[in-house]
Every structure is written in C-alpha cells, then in structure tokens.
Amino acid sequence: MTTARNRKQVQKQGAESSAKKPPGGDTREHLLDCALTLFAERGYAATSVRDIIHAAEVTQPTLYY
C-alpha cells in the first residue's frame, strides 16, 4: 500500500531520474537500477511495479517487454 508520502517520493525520484535517463538500449539497466534503489529504500514487499515504472519514467509494457 502506497501512501501520499511514498507517492511524492516516487514522483521526486522520477523527476531526478529524467536527467539520468539512459538512451535507447540501456532501458533494462535503468529499470534494474530504479528497482534496486526502491527495494533498498522501501523493501521488496513495499515496492510495486507502478512505483518502479514511475521512478524509471517508462510505461508498464516497457517493463514487461
């Protein structure tokens, strides 16, 4: 369950990650980096797919592709 505070943190991270967003082929690595960062901050059980895609600034199909 995400709280308003967590959503704000994810949005903030998403804004910060836009400057670090990799070009083209590095999307997988970027997703993994974002996921690992969120897992370290919140724990695996408290991190959703939605949190990861928002932090990485990608769409859900991109995550699953």
N, C-alpha and C. Protein backbone atom coordinates (compact mmCIF):
# COMPACT_ATOMS: atom_id res chain seq x y z
N MET A 1 0.84 -1.17 0.00
CA MET A 1 0.00 0.00 0.00
C MET A 1 0.89 1.24 0.00
N THR A 2 0.66 2.10 -0.95
CA THR A 2 1.46 3.32 -1.01
C THR A 2 0.72 4.46 -0.34
N THR A 3 1.46 5.28 0.32
CA THR A 3 0.88 6.44 0.97
C THR A 3 1.18 7.67 0.13
N ALA A 4 0.54 8.77 0.49
CA ALA A 4 0.78 10.02 -0.24
C ALA A 4 2.25 10.40 -0.17
N ARG A 5 2.87 10.15 0.98
CA ARG A 5 4.29 10.47 1.14
C ARG A 5 5.15 9.64 0.19
N ASN A 6 4.83 8.35 0.09
CA ASN A 6 5.59 7.48 -0.81
C ASN A 6 5.42 7.90 -2.26
N ARG A 7 4.19 8.28 -2.62
CA ARG A 7 3.96 8.72 -4.00
C ARG A 7 4.76 9.97 -4.31
N LYS A 8 4.84 10.88 -3.35
CA LYS A 8 5.63 12.10 -3.56
C LYS A 8 7.10 11.76 -3.73
N GLN A 9 7.59 10.79 -2.96
CA GLN A 9 8.99 10.38 -3.08
C GLN A 9 9.25 9.77 -4.44
N VAL A 10 8.32 8.94 -4.92
CA VAL A 10 8.47 8.32 -6.24
C VAL A 10 8.46 9.39 -7.32
N GLN A 11 7.54 10.37 -7.19
CA GLN A 11 7.48 11.45 -8.17
C GLN A 11 8.77 12.24 -8.17
N LYS A 12 9.30 12.49 -6.98
CA LYS A 12 10.56 13.22 -6.86
C LYS A 12 11.68 12.43 -7.52
N GLN A 13 11.72 11.12 -7.26
CA GLN A 13 12.75 10.28 -7.86
C GLN A 13 12.59 10.24 -9.36
N GLY A 14 11.34 10.20 -9.82
CA GLY A 14 11.09 10.22 -11.25
C GLY A 14 11.62 11.47 -11.89
N ALA A 15 11.43 12.61 -11.23
CA ALA A 15 11.93 13.88 -11.76
C ALA A 15 13.45 13.88 -11.77
N GLU A 16 14.06 13.31 -10.72
CA GLU A 16 15.52 13.25 -10.67
C GLU A 16 16.06 12.29 -11.72
N SER A 17 15.33 11.20 -11.97
CA SER A 17 15.83 10.21 -12.90
C SER A 17 15.74 10.67 -14.34
N SER A 18 14.89 11.68 -14.64
CA SER A 18 14.77 12.13 -16.01
C SER A 18 16.10 12.70 -16.52
N ALA A 19 16.87 13.29 -15.65
CA ALA A 19 18.18 13.80 -16.04
C ALA A 19 19.15 12.65 -16.26
N LYS A 20 18.90 11.52 -15.61
CA LYS A 20 19.79 10.37 -15.69
C LYS A 20 19.27 9.31 -16.64
N LYS A 21 18.14 9.57 -17.30
CA LYS A 21 17.51 8.57 -18.16
C LYS A 21 18.45 8.19 -19.30
N PRO A 22 18.73 6.91 -19.43
CA PRO A 22 19.70 6.46 -20.43
C PRO A 22 19.12 6.47 -21.84
N PRO A 23 19.96 6.55 -22.83
CA PRO A 23 19.49 6.47 -24.20
C PRO A 23 19.19 5.03 -24.60
N GLY A 24 18.19 4.84 -25.42
CA GLY A 24 17.82 3.58 -26.05
C GLY A 24 18.06 2.28 -25.33
N GLY A 25 19.14 1.58 -25.67
CA GLY A 25 19.39 0.21 -25.25
C GLY A 25 19.66 0.01 -23.78
N ASP A 26 19.82 1.05 -23.03
CA ASP A 26 20.13 0.90 -21.61
C ASP A 26 18.89 0.90 -20.74
N THR A 27 17.71 0.74 -21.34
CA THR A 27 16.46 0.78 -20.59
C THR A 27 16.42 -0.31 -19.53
N ARG A 28 16.87 -1.50 -19.87
CA ARG A 28 16.84 -2.62 -18.92
C ARG A 28 17.68 -2.29 -17.69
N GLU A 29 18.87 -1.80 -17.91
CA GLU A 29 19.75 -1.44 -16.79
C GLU A 29 19.14 -0.31 -15.96
N HIS A 30 18.53 0.64 -16.64
CA HIS A 30 17.89 1.75 -15.94
C HIS A 30 16.75 1.24 -15.05
N LEU A 31 15.93 0.34 -15.59
CA LEU A 31 14.84 -0.24 -14.81
C LEU A 31 15.37 -1.00 -13.60
N LEU A 32 16.42 -1.77 -13.80
CA LEU A 32 17.01 -2.53 -12.69
C LEU A 32 17.58 -1.59 -11.62
N ASP A 33 18.24 -0.54 -12.05
CA ASP A 33 18.79 0.43 -11.09
C ASP A 33 17.67 1.09 -10.27
N CYS A 34 16.60 1.49 -10.95
CA CYS A 34 15.47 2.11 -10.25
C CYS A 34 14.83 1.12 -9.27
N ALA A 35 14.64 -0.11 -9.73
CA ALA A 35 14.04 -1.13 -8.86
C ALA A 35 14.91 -1.40 -7.64
N LEU A 36 16.19 -1.56 -7.85
CA LEU A 36 17.09 -1.84 -6.72
C LEU A 36 17.12 -0.68 -5.73
N THR A 37 17.09 0.54 -6.24
CA THR A 37 17.05 1.71 -5.36
C THR A 37 15.79 1.71 -4.51
N LEU A 38 14.65 1.45 -5.15
CA LEU A 38 13.39 1.42 -4.41
C LEU A 38 13.36 0.27 -3.41
N PHE A 39 13.86 -0.89 -3.81
CA PHE A 39 13.90 -2.04 -2.90
C PHE A 39 14.75 -1.73 -1.67
N ALA A 40 15.86 -1.06 -1.89
CA ALA A 40 16.76 -0.72 -0.78
C ALA A 40 16.10 0.30 0.16
N GLU A 41 15.36 1.24 -0.40
CA GLU A 41 14.73 2.28 0.41
C GLU A 41 13.49 1.79 1.15
N ARG A 42 12.67 0.97 0.46
CA ARG A 42 11.36 0.59 1.00
C ARG A 42 11.24 -0.88 1.37
N GLY A 43 12.08 -1.68 0.76
CA GLY A 43 11.93 -3.12 0.91
C GLY A 43 11.18 -3.69 -0.29
N TYR A 44 11.42 -4.96 -0.55
CA TYR A 44 10.81 -5.62 -1.71
C TYR A 44 9.29 -5.64 -1.62
N ALA A 45 8.77 -6.01 -0.46
CA ALA A 45 7.32 -6.16 -0.29
C ALA A 45 6.57 -4.83 -0.39
N ALA A 46 7.23 -3.73 -0.11
CA ALA A 46 6.58 -2.42 -0.12
C ALA A 46 6.76 -1.68 -1.45
N THR A 47 7.40 -2.31 -2.42
CA THR A 47 7.64 -1.67 -3.72
C THR A 47 6.75 -2.32 -4.77
N SER A 48 5.99 -1.51 -5.47
CA SER A 48 5.09 -2.03 -6.51
C SER A 48 5.68 -1.82 -7.90
N VAL A 49 5.12 -2.52 -8.86
CA VAL A 49 5.51 -2.33 -10.26
C VAL A 49 5.25 -0.88 -10.66
N ARG A 50 4.14 -0.34 -10.19
CA ARG A 50 3.81 1.05 -10.50
C ARG A 50 4.88 2.00 -9.98
N ASP A 51 5.41 1.73 -8.78
CA ASP A 51 6.47 2.56 -8.22
C ASP A 51 7.71 2.52 -9.13
N ILE A 52 8.04 1.34 -9.60
CA ILE A 52 9.24 1.17 -10.44
C ILE A 52 9.07 1.89 -11.77
N ILE A 53 7.92 1.72 -12.42
CA ILE A 53 7.75 2.36 -13.72
C ILE A 53 7.67 3.88 -13.61
N HIS A 54 7.14 4.37 -12.49
CA HIS A 54 7.11 5.82 -12.29
C HIS A 54 8.52 6.36 -12.05
N ALA A 55 9.30 5.65 -11.26
CA ALA A 55 10.67 6.10 -10.99
C ALA A 55 11.52 6.05 -12.26
N ALA A 56 11.29 5.03 -13.09
CA ALA A 56 12.08 4.86 -14.31
C ALA A 56 11.52 5.68 -15.48
N GLU A 57 10.33 6.24 -15.28
CA GLU A 57 9.66 7.01 -16.34
C GLU A 57 9.48 6.21 -17.63
N VAL A 58 8.95 5.01 -17.47
CA VAL A 58 8.62 4.16 -18.61
C VAL A 58 7.18 3.69 -18.45
N THR A 59 6.64 3.08 -19.50
CA THR A 59 5.29 2.53 -19.42
C THR A 59 5.35 1.09 -18.92
N GLN A 60 4.21 0.58 -18.46
CA GLN A 60 4.18 -0.78 -17.94
C GLN A 60 4.55 -1.82 -19.01
N PRO A 61 4.08 -1.68 -20.25
CA PRO A 61 4.51 -2.66 -21.27
C PRO A 61 6.04 -2.68 -21.46
N THR A 62 6.68 -1.54 -21.30
CA THR A 62 8.14 -1.50 -21.42
C THR A 62 8.79 -2.36 -20.36
N LEU A 63 8.25 -2.32 -19.16
CA LEU A 63 8.79 -3.14 -18.07
C LEU A 63 8.69 -4.62 -18.39
N TYR A 64 7.56 -5.03 -18.94
CA TYR A 64 7.33 -6.45 -19.22
C TYR A 64 7.96 -6.93 -20.52
N TYR A 65 8.31 -6.01 -21.40
CA TYR A 65 8.89 -6.40 -22.68
C TYR A 65 10.33 -6.78 -22.46
